[in-house]
C-alpha atoms as a PDB file:
ATOM      1  CA  MET A   1      80.760  -4.153 -33.267  1.00  0.00           C
ATOM      2  CA  GLY A   2      81.720  -7.525 -34.746  1.00  0.00           C
ATOM      3  CA  LYS A   3      85.067  -9.216 -34.735  1.00  0.00           C
ATOM      4  CA  ALA A   4      87.688  -7.924 -37.124  1.00  0.00           C
ATOM      5  CA  LYS A   5      88.132 -10.247 -40.077  1.00  0.00           C
ATOM      6  CA  ARG A   6      91.407 -12.104 -39.926  1.00  0.00           C
ATOM      7  CA  ILE A   7      93.300 -12.030 -43.165  1.00  0.00           C
ATOM      8  CA  SER A   8      96.339 -13.860 -44.410  1.00  0.00           C
ATOM      9  CA  ARG A   9      99.611 -11.977 -44.136  1.00  0.00           C
ATOM     10  CA  VAL A  10     103.221 -12.178 -45.273  1.00  0.00           C
ATOM     11  CA  SER A  11     106.282 -10.638 -43.612  1.00  0.00           C
ATOM     12  CA  ALA A  12     110.049 -10.976 -43.621  1.00  0.00           C
ATOM     13  CA  ASN A  13     112.621 -10.930 -40.852  1.00  0.00           C
ATOM     14  CA  ILE A  14     115.768  -9.848 -42.670  1.00  0.00           C
ATOM     15  CA  ARG A  15     118.066 -10.363 -39.684  1.00  0.00           C
ATOM     16  CA  LYS A  16     116.938 -13.990 -39.284  1.00  0.00           C
ATOM     17  CA  LYS A  17     116.693 -14.501 -43.076  1.00  0.00           C
ATOM     18  CA  ARG A  18     113.099 -15.710 -42.783  1.00  0.00           C
ATOM     19  CA  LEU A  19     109.854 -15.314 -44.661  1.00  0.00           C
ATOM     20  CA  TYR A  20     106.666 -15.701 -42.606  1.00  0.00           C
ATOM     21  CA  ILE A  21     103.366 -16.588 -44.270  1.00  0.00           C
ATOM     22  CA  THR A  22     100.200 -16.836 -42.167  1.00  0.00           C
ATOM     23  CA  LEU A  23      97.081 -18.123 -43.901  1.00  0.00           C
ATOM     24  CA  HIS A  24      93.535 -17.717 -42.552  1.00  0.00           C
ATOM     25  CA  GLY A  25      90.251 -19.286 -43.575  1.00  0.00           C
ATOM     26  CA  ILE A  26      89.570 -20.588 -47.052  1.00  0.00           C
ATOM     27  CA  ILE A  27      92.089 -19.361 -49.616  1.00  0.00           C
ATOM     28  CA  SER A  28      90.454 -18.146 -52.833  1.00  0.00           C
ATOM     29  CA  LYS A  29      92.261 -17.500 -56.105  1.00  0.00           C
ATOM     30  CA  LYS A  30      92.109 -13.732 -55.452  1.00  0.00           C
ATOM     31  CA  GLU A  31      93.569 -14.183 -51.951  1.00  0.00           C
ATOM     32  CA  ALA A  32      96.289 -16.505 -53.292  1.00  0.00           C
ATOM     33  CA  GLU A  33      97.279 -13.867 -55.880  1.00  0.00           C
ATOM     34  CA  ARG A  34      97.475 -11.183 -53.157  1.00  0.00           C
ATOM     35  CA  ILE A  35      99.661 -13.480 -51.049  1.00  0.00           C
ATOM     36  CA  TYR A  36     101.905 -14.149 -54.068  1.00  0.00           C
ATOM     37  CA  THR A  37     102.378 -10.408 -54.596  1.00  0.00           C
ATOM     38  CA  ASP A  38     103.237  -9.926 -50.911  1.00  0.00           C
ATOM     39  CA  ILE A  39     105.714 -12.823 -51.050  1.00  0.00           C
ATOM     40  CA  ARG A  40     107.498 -11.301 -54.054  1.00  0.00           C
ATOM     41  CA  PHE A  41     107.905  -7.977 -52.212  1.00  0.00           C
ATOM     42  CA  CYS A  42     109.181  -9.613 -49.022  1.00  0.00           C
ATOM     43  CA  VAL A  43     111.580 -12.002 -50.757  1.00  0.00           C
ATOM     44  CA  SER A  44     113.263  -9.119 -52.577  1.00  0.00           C
ATOM     45  CA  ASP A  45     114.820  -8.138 -49.214  1.00  0.00           C
ATOM     46  CA  LEU A  46     116.056 -11.645 -48.360  1.00  0.00           C
ATOM     47  CA  GLU A  47     119.327 -13.334 -49.310  1.00  0.00           C
ATOM     48  CA  PRO A  48     119.373 -16.770 -50.998  1.00  0.00           C
ATOM     49  CA  GLY A  49     119.023 -19.605 -48.495  1.00  0.00           C
ATOM     50  CA  PHE A  50     116.278 -17.826 -46.527  1.00  0.00           C
ATOM     51  CA  GLY A  51     113.918 -19.995 -44.492  1.00  0.00           C
ATOM     52  CA  VAL A  52     110.139 -20.001 -44.817  1.00  0.00           C
ATOM     53  CA  ILE A  53     107.638 -20.562 -42.011  1.00  0.00           C
ATOM     54  CA  THR A  54     104.055 -20.953 -43.189  1.00  0.00           C
ATOM     55  CA  ASP A  55     101.389 -21.005 -40.454  1.00  0.00           C
ATOM     56  CA  LEU A  56      98.376 -23.013 -41.626  1.00  0.00           C
ATOM     57  CA  THR A  57      96.741 -23.500 -38.223  1.00  0.00           C
ATOM     58  CA  GLN A  58      93.896 -21.087 -39.053  1.00  0.00           C
ATOM     59  CA  CYS A  59      93.579 -22.133 -42.696  1.00  0.00           C
ATOM     60  CA  ARG A  60      90.834 -24.641 -43.319  1.00  0.00           C
ATOM     61  CA  ILE A  61      91.208 -25.461 -46.998  1.00  0.00           C
ATOM     62  CA  GLY A  62      92.143 -23.904 -50.308  1.00  0.00           C
ATOM     63  CA  HIS A  63      89.950 -23.457 -53.365  1.00  0.00           C
ATOM     64  CA  LEU A  64      90.904 -25.530 -56.382  1.00  0.00           C
ATOM     65  CA  SER A  65      91.117 -22.253 -58.305  1.00  0.00           C
ATOM     66  CA  ALA A  66      94.082 -21.254 -56.095  1.00  0.00           C
ATOM     67  CA  ILE A  67      96.208 -24.311 -56.984  1.00  0.00           C
ATOM     68  CA  ALA A  68      97.887 -22.692 -59.991  1.00  0.00           C
ATOM     69  CA  THR A  69      98.931 -19.703 -57.879  1.00  0.00           C
ATOM     70  CA  SER A  70     100.160 -22.006 -55.090  1.00  0.00           C
ATOM     71  CA  LYS A  71     102.410 -23.772 -57.592  1.00  0.00           C
ATOM     72  CA  LYS A  72     103.559 -20.401 -58.939  1.00  0.00           C
ATOM     73  CA  ILE A  73     104.559 -19.430 -55.384  1.00  0.00           C
ATOM     74  CA  MET A  74     106.522 -22.665 -54.934  1.00  0.00           C
ATOM     75  CA  HIS A  75     108.374 -22.177 -58.225  1.00  0.00           C
ATOM     76  CA  PHE A  76     109.095 -18.530 -57.394  1.00  0.00           C
ATOM     77  CA  LEU A  77     110.594 -19.499 -54.035  1.00  0.00           C
ATOM     78  CA  LEU A  78     112.749 -22.140 -55.702  1.00  0.00           C
ATOM     79  CA  GLU A  79     113.974 -19.558 -58.252  1.00  0.00           C
ATOM     80  CA  LYS A  80     114.955 -17.290 -55.358  1.00  0.00           C
ATOM     81  CA  GLN A  81     116.986 -20.136 -53.817  1.00  0.00           C
ATOM     82  CA  VAL A  82     114.777 -20.766 -50.818  1.00  0.00           C
ATOM     83  CA  GLY A  83     116.325 -22.657 -47.924  1.00  0.00           C
ATOM     84  CA  PRO A  84     114.402 -24.745 -45.380  1.00  0.00           C
ATOM     85  CA  ILE A  85     110.607 -24.650 -45.586  1.00  0.00           C
ATOM     86  CA  ILE A  86     108.594 -25.307 -42.430  1.00  0.00           C
ATOM     87  CA  ARG A  87     104.803 -25.569 -42.326  1.00  0.00           C
ATOM     88  CA  ILE A  88     102.836 -25.253 -39.101  1.00  0.00           C
ATOM     89  CA  ILE A  89      99.724 -27.373 -39.449  1.00  0.00           C
ATOM     90  CA  GLY A  90      98.485 -27.969 -35.933  1.00  0.00           C
ATOM     91  CA  GLN A  91      96.601 -31.240 -35.648  1.00  0.00           C
ATOM     92  CA  GLY A  92      94.403 -33.060 -38.181  1.00  0.00           C
ATOM     93  CA  LYS A  93      94.203 -30.488 -40.963  1.00  0.00           C
ATOM     94  CA  VAL A  94      92.750 -31.305 -44.367  1.00  0.00           C
ATOM     95  CA  ILE A  95      95.005 -28.619 -45.855  1.00  0.00           C
ATOM     96  CA  TYR A  96      97.967 -30.826 -44.911  1.00  0.00           C
ATOM     97  CA  LEU A  97      96.808 -33.505 -47.328  1.00  0.00           C
ATOM     98  CA  GLN A  98      96.267 -30.922 -50.066  1.00  0.00           C
ATOM     99  CA  LEU A  99      99.760 -29.524 -49.580  1.00  0.00           C
ATOM    100  CA  LEU A 100     101.376 -32.946 -49.612  1.00  0.00           C
ATOM    101  CA  LYS A 101      99.941 -33.493 -53.073  1.00  0.00           C
ATOM    102  CA  LEU A 102     101.070 -30.062 -54.300  1.00  0.00           C
ATOM    103  CA  SER A 103     104.639 -30.067 -52.964  1.00  0.00           C
ATOM    104  CA  ASP A 104     107.045 -30.964 -55.718  1.00  0.00           C
ATOM    105  CA  LYS A 105     109.863 -32.801 -53.981  1.00  0.00           C
ATOM    106  CA  LYS A 106     111.443 -33.614 -57.345  1.00  0.00           C
ATOM    107  CA  LEU A 107     112.193 -29.904 -57.764  1.00  0.00           C
ATOM    108  CA  GLY A 108     113.598 -29.582 -54.247  1.00  0.00           C
ATOM    109  CA  TYR A 109     110.480 -28.188 -52.587  1.00  0.00           C
ATOM    110  CA  ASP A 110     110.463 -30.473 -49.559  1.00  0.00           C
ATOM    111  CA  PRO A 111     108.767 -28.851 -46.538  1.00  0.00           C
ATOM    112  CA  LYS A 112     108.912 -30.098 -42.963  1.00  0.00           C
ATOM    113  CA  TYR A 113     105.728 -30.161 -40.874  1.00  0.00           C
ATOM    114  CA  VAL A 114     105.403 -29.100 -37.227  1.00  0.00           C
ATOM    115  CA  SER A 115     102.575 -28.244 -34.818  1.00  0.00           C
ATOM    116  CA  THR A 116     103.600 -24.840 -33.431  1.00  0.00           C
ATOM    117  CA  LEU A 117     105.498 -21.655 -34.316  1.00  0.00           C
ATOM    118  CA  GLU A 118     107.947 -22.402 -31.513  1.00  0.00           C
ATOM    119  CA  GLU A 119     108.758 -25.784 -33.084  1.00  0.00           C
ATOM    120  CA  ALA A 120     109.196 -24.145 -36.494  1.00  0.00           C
ATOM    121  CA  GLU A 121     111.568 -21.475 -35.129  1.00  0.00           C
ATOM    122  CA  ALA A 122     113.599 -24.070 -33.203  1.00  0.00           C
ATOM    123  CA  LEU A 123     113.837 -26.340 -36.244  1.00  0.00           C
ATOM    124  CA  LEU A 124     115.041 -23.486 -38.466  1.00  0.00           C
ATOM    125  CA  ASP A 125     117.494 -22.296 -35.795  1.00  0.00           C
ATOM    126  CA  GLY A 126     118.899 -25.837 -35.623  1.00  0.00           C
ATOM    127  CA  LEU A 127     119.197 -26.104 -39.408  1.00  0.00           C
ATOM    128  CA  VAL A 128     120.948 -22.734 -39.649  1.00  0.00           C
ATOM    129  CA  GLN A 129     123.349 -23.718 -36.878  1.00  0.00           C
ATOM    130  CA  LYS A 130     124.186 -27.002 -38.670  1.00  0.00           C
ATOM    131  CA  GLU A 131     124.897 -25.099 -41.913  1.00  0.00           C
ATOM    132  CA  SER A 132     127.205 -22.621 -40.164  1.00  0.00           C
ATOM    133  CA  ILE A 133     129.226 -25.480 -38.627  1.00  0.00           C
ATOM    134  CA  ALA A 134     129.570 -27.408 -41.901  1.00  0.00           C
END
């Protein structure tokens, strides 16, 4: 038996007010559309200000055909009043450069980049704590 194919997945932690997106391999347009659908379902259970952690450590690159859907995801998250966005990129990823070009900071989509899930969780915990004090 061969290895099970790893697929991208989306989940929400309602208690922590977080959306988790884990991307694997090369993201096609079809895969991007599936991810978008999953994101819409998960976000419906989250309150405005939710954080997003996207794990890109196993994602090599995205197809150009998936760019429109990626932008649709970003706009959807902004409409739903997304809070902090953290991307886990590991080291030396080409996808990082692609995402930098796609992120629309003018609209308020300004992700932070870290190397591990632990760093992402700690960063979000720190941001949430700052907001609760202010």
